């Protein structure tokens, strides 16, 4: 259940509404008054966060990749930061 608790409150609420909509992305889009693709993108981001939580690795890398998923850091920047981080660890 750590994966659920690791989600932001609004993501937890989104999942609750998804369940109450019987898993219908179309209904969820209607409830949020957004397009189906917008809901799909949000679901995909939550899926990536859950996968990342289940992938046991360095917590620094996990947090950085969460920032990529949240679009706070670009993927290219994250890769460069990880390379430099690994270089500093490996000497």
N, C-alpha and C. Protein backbone atom coordinates (compact mmCIF):
# COMPACT_ATOMS: atom_id res chain seq x y z
N UNK A 1 0.82 -1.19 0.00
CA UNK A 1 0.00 0.00 0.00
C UNK A 1 0.86 1.26 0.00
N UNK A 2 2.19 1.11 0.11
CA UNK A 2 3.09 2.25 0.06
C UNK A 2 2.93 3.05 -1.22
N UNK A 3 2.64 2.33 -2.32
CA UNK A 3 2.50 3.02 -3.61
C UNK A 3 1.37 4.04 -3.55
N UNK A 4 0.28 3.70 -2.86
CA UNK A 4 -0.87 4.61 -2.78
C UNK A 4 -0.55 5.79 -1.88
N UNK A 5 0.07 5.52 -0.75
CA UNK A 5 0.42 6.58 0.19
C UNK A 5 1.49 7.51 -0.39
N UNK A 6 2.26 7.01 -1.33
CA UNK A 6 3.29 7.82 -1.97
C UNK A 6 2.75 8.78 -3.01
N UNK A 7 1.49 8.62 -3.38
CA UNK A 7 0.87 9.52 -4.35
C UNK A 7 0.43 10.80 -3.65
N UNK A 8 0.37 11.87 -4.42
CA UNK A 8 -0.12 13.13 -3.86
C UNK A 8 -1.62 13.00 -3.59
N UNK A 9 -2.12 13.83 -2.70
CA UNK A 9 -3.52 13.75 -2.31
C UNK A 9 -4.47 13.87 -3.51
N UNK A 10 -4.16 14.76 -4.43
CA UNK A 10 -5.04 14.92 -5.60
C UNK A 10 -5.01 13.68 -6.51
N UNK A 11 -3.87 12.99 -6.53
CA UNK A 11 -3.79 11.74 -7.31
C UNK A 11 -4.61 10.65 -6.63
N UNK A 12 -4.59 10.61 -5.31
CA UNK A 12 -5.40 9.64 -4.58
C UNK A 12 -6.88 9.91 -4.84
N UNK A 13 -7.27 11.17 -4.82
CA UNK A 13 -8.66 11.54 -5.09
C UNK A 13 -9.04 11.17 -6.53
N UNK A 14 -8.14 11.38 -7.45
CA UNK A 14 -8.36 11.01 -8.85
C UNK A 14 -8.64 9.51 -8.96
N UNK A 15 -7.83 8.71 -8.28
CA UNK A 15 -8.03 7.26 -8.31
C UNK A 15 -9.37 6.87 -7.68
N UNK A 16 -9.73 7.55 -6.61
CA UNK A 16 -11.03 7.30 -5.98
C UNK A 16 -12.17 7.58 -6.97
N UNK A 17 -12.07 8.71 -7.65
CA UNK A 17 -13.11 9.06 -8.62
C UNK A 17 -13.11 8.09 -9.81
N UNK A 18 -11.93 7.59 -10.17
CA UNK A 18 -11.82 6.60 -11.24
C UNK A 18 -12.56 5.32 -10.85
N UNK A 19 -12.36 4.88 -9.63
CA UNK A 19 -13.03 3.68 -9.13
C UNK A 19 -14.54 3.90 -9.08
N UNK A 20 -14.95 5.05 -8.57
CA UNK A 20 -16.38 5.35 -8.48
C UNK A 20 -17.03 5.48 -9.86
N UNK A 21 -16.21 5.78 -10.87
CA UNK A 21 -16.70 5.84 -12.25
C UNK A 21 -16.61 4.46 -12.92
N UNK A 22 -16.45 3.43 -12.10
CA UNK A 22 -16.33 2.04 -12.58
C UNK A 22 -15.20 1.85 -13.58
N UNK A 23 -14.14 2.63 -13.41
CA UNK A 23 -12.98 2.48 -14.28
C UNK A 23 -13.16 3.06 -15.66
N UNK A 24 -14.18 3.87 -15.85
CA UNK A 24 -14.44 4.46 -17.16
C UNK A 24 -13.69 5.78 -17.31
N UNK A 25 -12.70 5.79 -18.19
CA UNK A 25 -11.97 7.02 -18.44
C UNK A 25 -12.87 8.06 -19.10
N UNK A 26 -13.78 7.58 -19.93
CA UNK A 26 -14.72 8.48 -20.59
C UNK A 26 -15.59 9.20 -19.55
N UNK A 27 -16.09 8.46 -18.57
CA UNK A 27 -16.91 9.06 -17.51
C UNK A 27 -16.07 10.00 -16.65
N UNK A 28 -14.84 9.61 -16.38
CA UNK A 28 -13.96 10.44 -15.58
C UNK A 28 -13.68 11.77 -16.29
N UNK A 29 -13.46 11.71 -17.59
CA UNK A 29 -13.24 12.93 -18.38
C UNK A 29 -14.47 13.83 -18.29
N UNK A 30 -15.63 13.22 -18.34
CA UNK A 30 -16.88 13.98 -18.23
C UNK A 30 -16.98 14.62 -16.84
N UNK A 31 -16.67 13.86 -15.79
CA UNK A 31 -16.73 14.36 -14.42
C UNK A 31 -15.78 15.54 -14.20
N UNK A 32 -14.57 15.45 -14.78
CA UNK A 32 -13.57 16.50 -14.63
C UNK A 32 -13.74 17.62 -15.66
N UNK A 33 -14.64 17.41 -16.61
CA UNK A 33 -14.88 18.35 -17.69
C UNK A 33 -13.62 18.64 -18.49
N UNK A 34 -12.93 17.55 -18.83
CA UNK A 34 -11.73 17.62 -19.67
C UNK A 34 -11.85 16.56 -20.75
N UNK A 35 -10.92 16.58 -21.69
CA UNK A 35 -10.96 15.60 -22.78
C UNK A 35 -10.46 14.23 -22.32
N UNK A 36 -10.86 13.22 -23.06
CA UNK A 36 -10.40 11.85 -22.79
C UNK A 36 -8.87 11.78 -22.80
N UNK A 37 -8.19 12.36 -23.83
CA UNK A 37 -6.72 12.29 -23.83
C UNK A 37 -6.08 12.93 -22.59
N UNK A 38 -6.69 13.98 -22.06
CA UNK A 38 -6.17 14.61 -20.85
C UNK A 38 -6.23 13.64 -19.67
N UNK A 39 -7.34 12.93 -19.54
CA UNK A 39 -7.48 11.93 -18.48
C UNK A 39 -6.50 10.80 -18.70
N UNK A 40 -6.33 10.37 -19.94
CA UNK A 40 -5.42 9.27 -20.26
C UNK A 40 -3.99 9.63 -19.86
N UNK A 41 -3.59 10.86 -20.13
CA UNK A 41 -2.24 11.31 -19.77
C UNK A 41 -2.06 11.28 -18.26
N UNK A 42 -3.08 11.72 -17.54
CA UNK A 42 -3.01 11.72 -16.08
C UNK A 42 -2.92 10.30 -15.53
N UNK A 43 -3.69 9.39 -16.09
CA UNK A 43 -3.63 7.99 -15.69
C UNK A 43 -2.24 7.43 -15.96
N UNK A 44 -1.70 7.73 -17.14
CA UNK A 44 -0.36 7.24 -17.49
C UNK A 44 0.70 7.73 -16.52
N UNK A 45 0.59 8.99 -16.09
CA UNK A 45 1.55 9.53 -15.12
C UNK A 45 1.45 8.81 -13.78
N UNK A 46 0.23 8.53 -13.35
CA UNK A 46 0.04 7.80 -12.09
C UNK A 46 0.59 6.39 -12.21
N UNK A 47 0.36 5.76 -13.35
CA UNK A 47 0.90 4.41 -13.58
C UNK A 47 2.42 4.44 -13.47
N UNK A 48 3.06 5.43 -14.07
CA UNK A 48 4.52 5.53 -14.01
C UNK A 48 5.00 5.73 -12.58
N UNK A 49 4.28 6.54 -11.80
CA UNK A 49 4.65 6.73 -10.40
C UNK A 49 4.55 5.43 -9.62
N UNK A 50 3.49 4.66 -9.87
CA UNK A 50 3.31 3.39 -9.17
C UNK A 50 4.42 2.42 -9.55
N UNK A 51 4.74 2.35 -10.84
CA UNK A 51 5.82 1.47 -11.29
C UNK A 51 7.13 1.87 -10.63
N UNK A 52 7.36 3.16 -10.55
CA UNK A 52 8.60 3.66 -9.96
C UNK A 52 8.68 3.30 -8.48
N UNK A 53 7.55 3.38 -7.77
CA UNK A 53 7.52 3.01 -6.36
C UNK A 53 7.84 1.52 -6.17
N UNK A 54 7.40 0.70 -7.12
CA UNK A 54 7.61 -0.74 -7.01
C UNK A 54 9.01 -1.15 -7.47
N UNK A 55 9.73 -0.24 -8.11
CA UNK A 55 11.07 -0.53 -8.60
C UNK A 55 12.05 -0.13 -7.51
N UNK A 56 12.68 -1.11 -6.92
CA UNK A 56 13.56 -0.89 -5.77
C UNK A 56 14.93 -0.41 -6.24
N UNK A 57 15.19 0.87 -6.08
CA UNK A 57 16.50 1.41 -6.44
C UNK A 57 16.81 2.60 -5.56
N UNK A 58 17.90 3.24 -5.82
CA UNK A 58 18.38 4.40 -5.08
C UNK A 58 17.26 5.43 -4.94
N UNK A 59 17.00 5.87 -3.71
CA UNK A 59 15.90 6.81 -3.46
C UNK A 59 16.13 8.15 -4.17
N UNK A 60 17.38 8.56 -4.34
CA UNK A 60 17.68 9.79 -5.07
C UNK A 60 17.18 9.68 -6.50
N UNK A 61 17.47 8.55 -7.13
CA UNK A 61 17.05 8.34 -8.52
C UNK A 61 15.53 8.27 -8.62
N UNK A 62 14.91 7.62 -7.66
CA UNK A 62 13.45 7.51 -7.66
C UNK A 62 12.82 8.90 -7.55
N UNK A 63 13.32 9.71 -6.64
CA UNK A 63 12.77 11.06 -6.47
C UNK A 63 12.99 11.90 -7.72
N UNK A 64 14.14 11.75 -8.34
CA UNK A 64 14.43 12.49 -9.56
C UNK A 64 13.48 12.06 -10.68
N UNK A 65 13.26 10.76 -10.81
CA UNK A 65 12.37 10.28 -11.86
C UNK A 65 10.92 10.70 -11.58
N UNK A 66 10.55 10.82 -10.31
CA UNK A 66 9.22 11.34 -10.00
C UNK A 66 9.09 12.78 -10.46
N UNK A 67 10.18 13.53 -10.35
CA UNK A 67 10.16 14.91 -10.83
C UNK A 67 10.01 14.96 -12.35
N UNK A 68 10.59 13.98 -13.04
CA UNK A 68 10.41 13.89 -14.49
C UNK A 68 8.95 13.61 -14.82
N UNK A 69 8.36 12.66 -14.12
CA UNK A 69 6.96 12.31 -14.35
C UNK A 69 6.06 13.51 -14.09
N UNK A 70 6.38 14.29 -13.06
CA UNK A 70 5.60 15.48 -12.71
C UNK A 70 5.95 16.68 -13.59
N UNK A 71 6.86 16.46 -14.53
CA UNK A 71 7.30 17.49 -15.47
C UNK A 71 7.96 18.68 -14.78
N UNK A 72 8.64 18.41 -13.68
CA UNK A 72 9.39 19.44 -12.98
C UNK A 72 10.83 19.50 -13.49
N UNK A 73 11.29 18.38 -14.06
CA UNK A 73 12.64 18.25 -14.62
C UNK A 73 12.51 17.51 -15.94
N UNK A 74 13.29 17.91 -16.94
CA UNK A 74 13.23 17.21 -18.22
C UNK A 74 13.94 15.86 -18.10
N UNK A 75 13.57 14.93 -18.95
CA UNK A 75 14.18 13.60 -18.93
C UNK A 75 15.67 13.71 -19.25
N UNK A 76 16.04 14.54 -20.21
CA UNK A 76 17.45 14.70 -20.55
C UNK A 76 18.26 15.24 -19.37
N UNK A 77 17.70 16.22 -18.67
CA UNK A 77 18.39 16.76 -17.49
C UNK A 77 18.53 15.70 -16.42
N UNK A 78 17.48 14.93 -16.20
CA UNK A 78 17.53 13.87 -15.19
C UNK A 78 18.60 12.85 -15.52
N UNK A 79 18.69 12.46 -16.78
CA UNK A 79 19.71 11.49 -17.19
C UNK A 79 21.11 12.04 -16.92
N UNK A 80 21.32 13.31 -17.23
CA UNK A 80 22.62 13.93 -17.00
C UNK A 80 22.94 13.99 -15.50
N UNK A 81 21.95 14.35 -14.70
CA UNK A 81 22.15 14.41 -13.25
C UNK A 81 22.48 13.03 -12.70
N UNK A 82 21.78 12.01 -13.18
CA UNK A 82 22.05 10.63 -12.72
C UNK A 82 23.45 10.19 -13.12
N UNK A 83 23.87 10.52 -14.35
CA UNK A 83 25.23 10.16 -14.79
C UNK A 83 26.27 10.80 -13.87
N UNK A 84 26.09 12.09 -13.59
CA UNK A 84 27.03 12.79 -12.73
C UNK A 84 27.00 12.23 -11.30
N UNK A 85 25.82 11.91 -10.82
CA UNK A 85 25.65 11.32 -9.49
C UNK A 85 26.39 9.97 -9.41
N UNK A 86 26.19 9.13 -10.42
CA UNK A 86 26.85 7.82 -10.44
C UNK A 86 28.37 7.97 -10.55
N UNK A 87 28.82 8.95 -11.34
CA UNK A 87 30.27 9.20 -11.47
C UNK A 87 30.86 9.60 -10.12
N UNK A 88 30.13 10.43 -9.36
CA UNK A 88 30.64 10.87 -8.07
C UNK A 88 30.69 9.73 -7.05
N UNK A 89 29.77 8.78 -7.17
CA UNK A 89 29.74 7.63 -6.27
C UNK A 89 30.84 6.64 -6.62
N UNK A 90 31.02 6.42 -7.93
CA UNK A 90 31.98 5.42 -8.40
C UNK A 90 33.41 5.94 -8.48
N UNK A 91 33.58 7.22 -8.21
CA UNK A 91 34.90 7.79 -8.15
C UNK A 91 35.36 8.21 -9.47
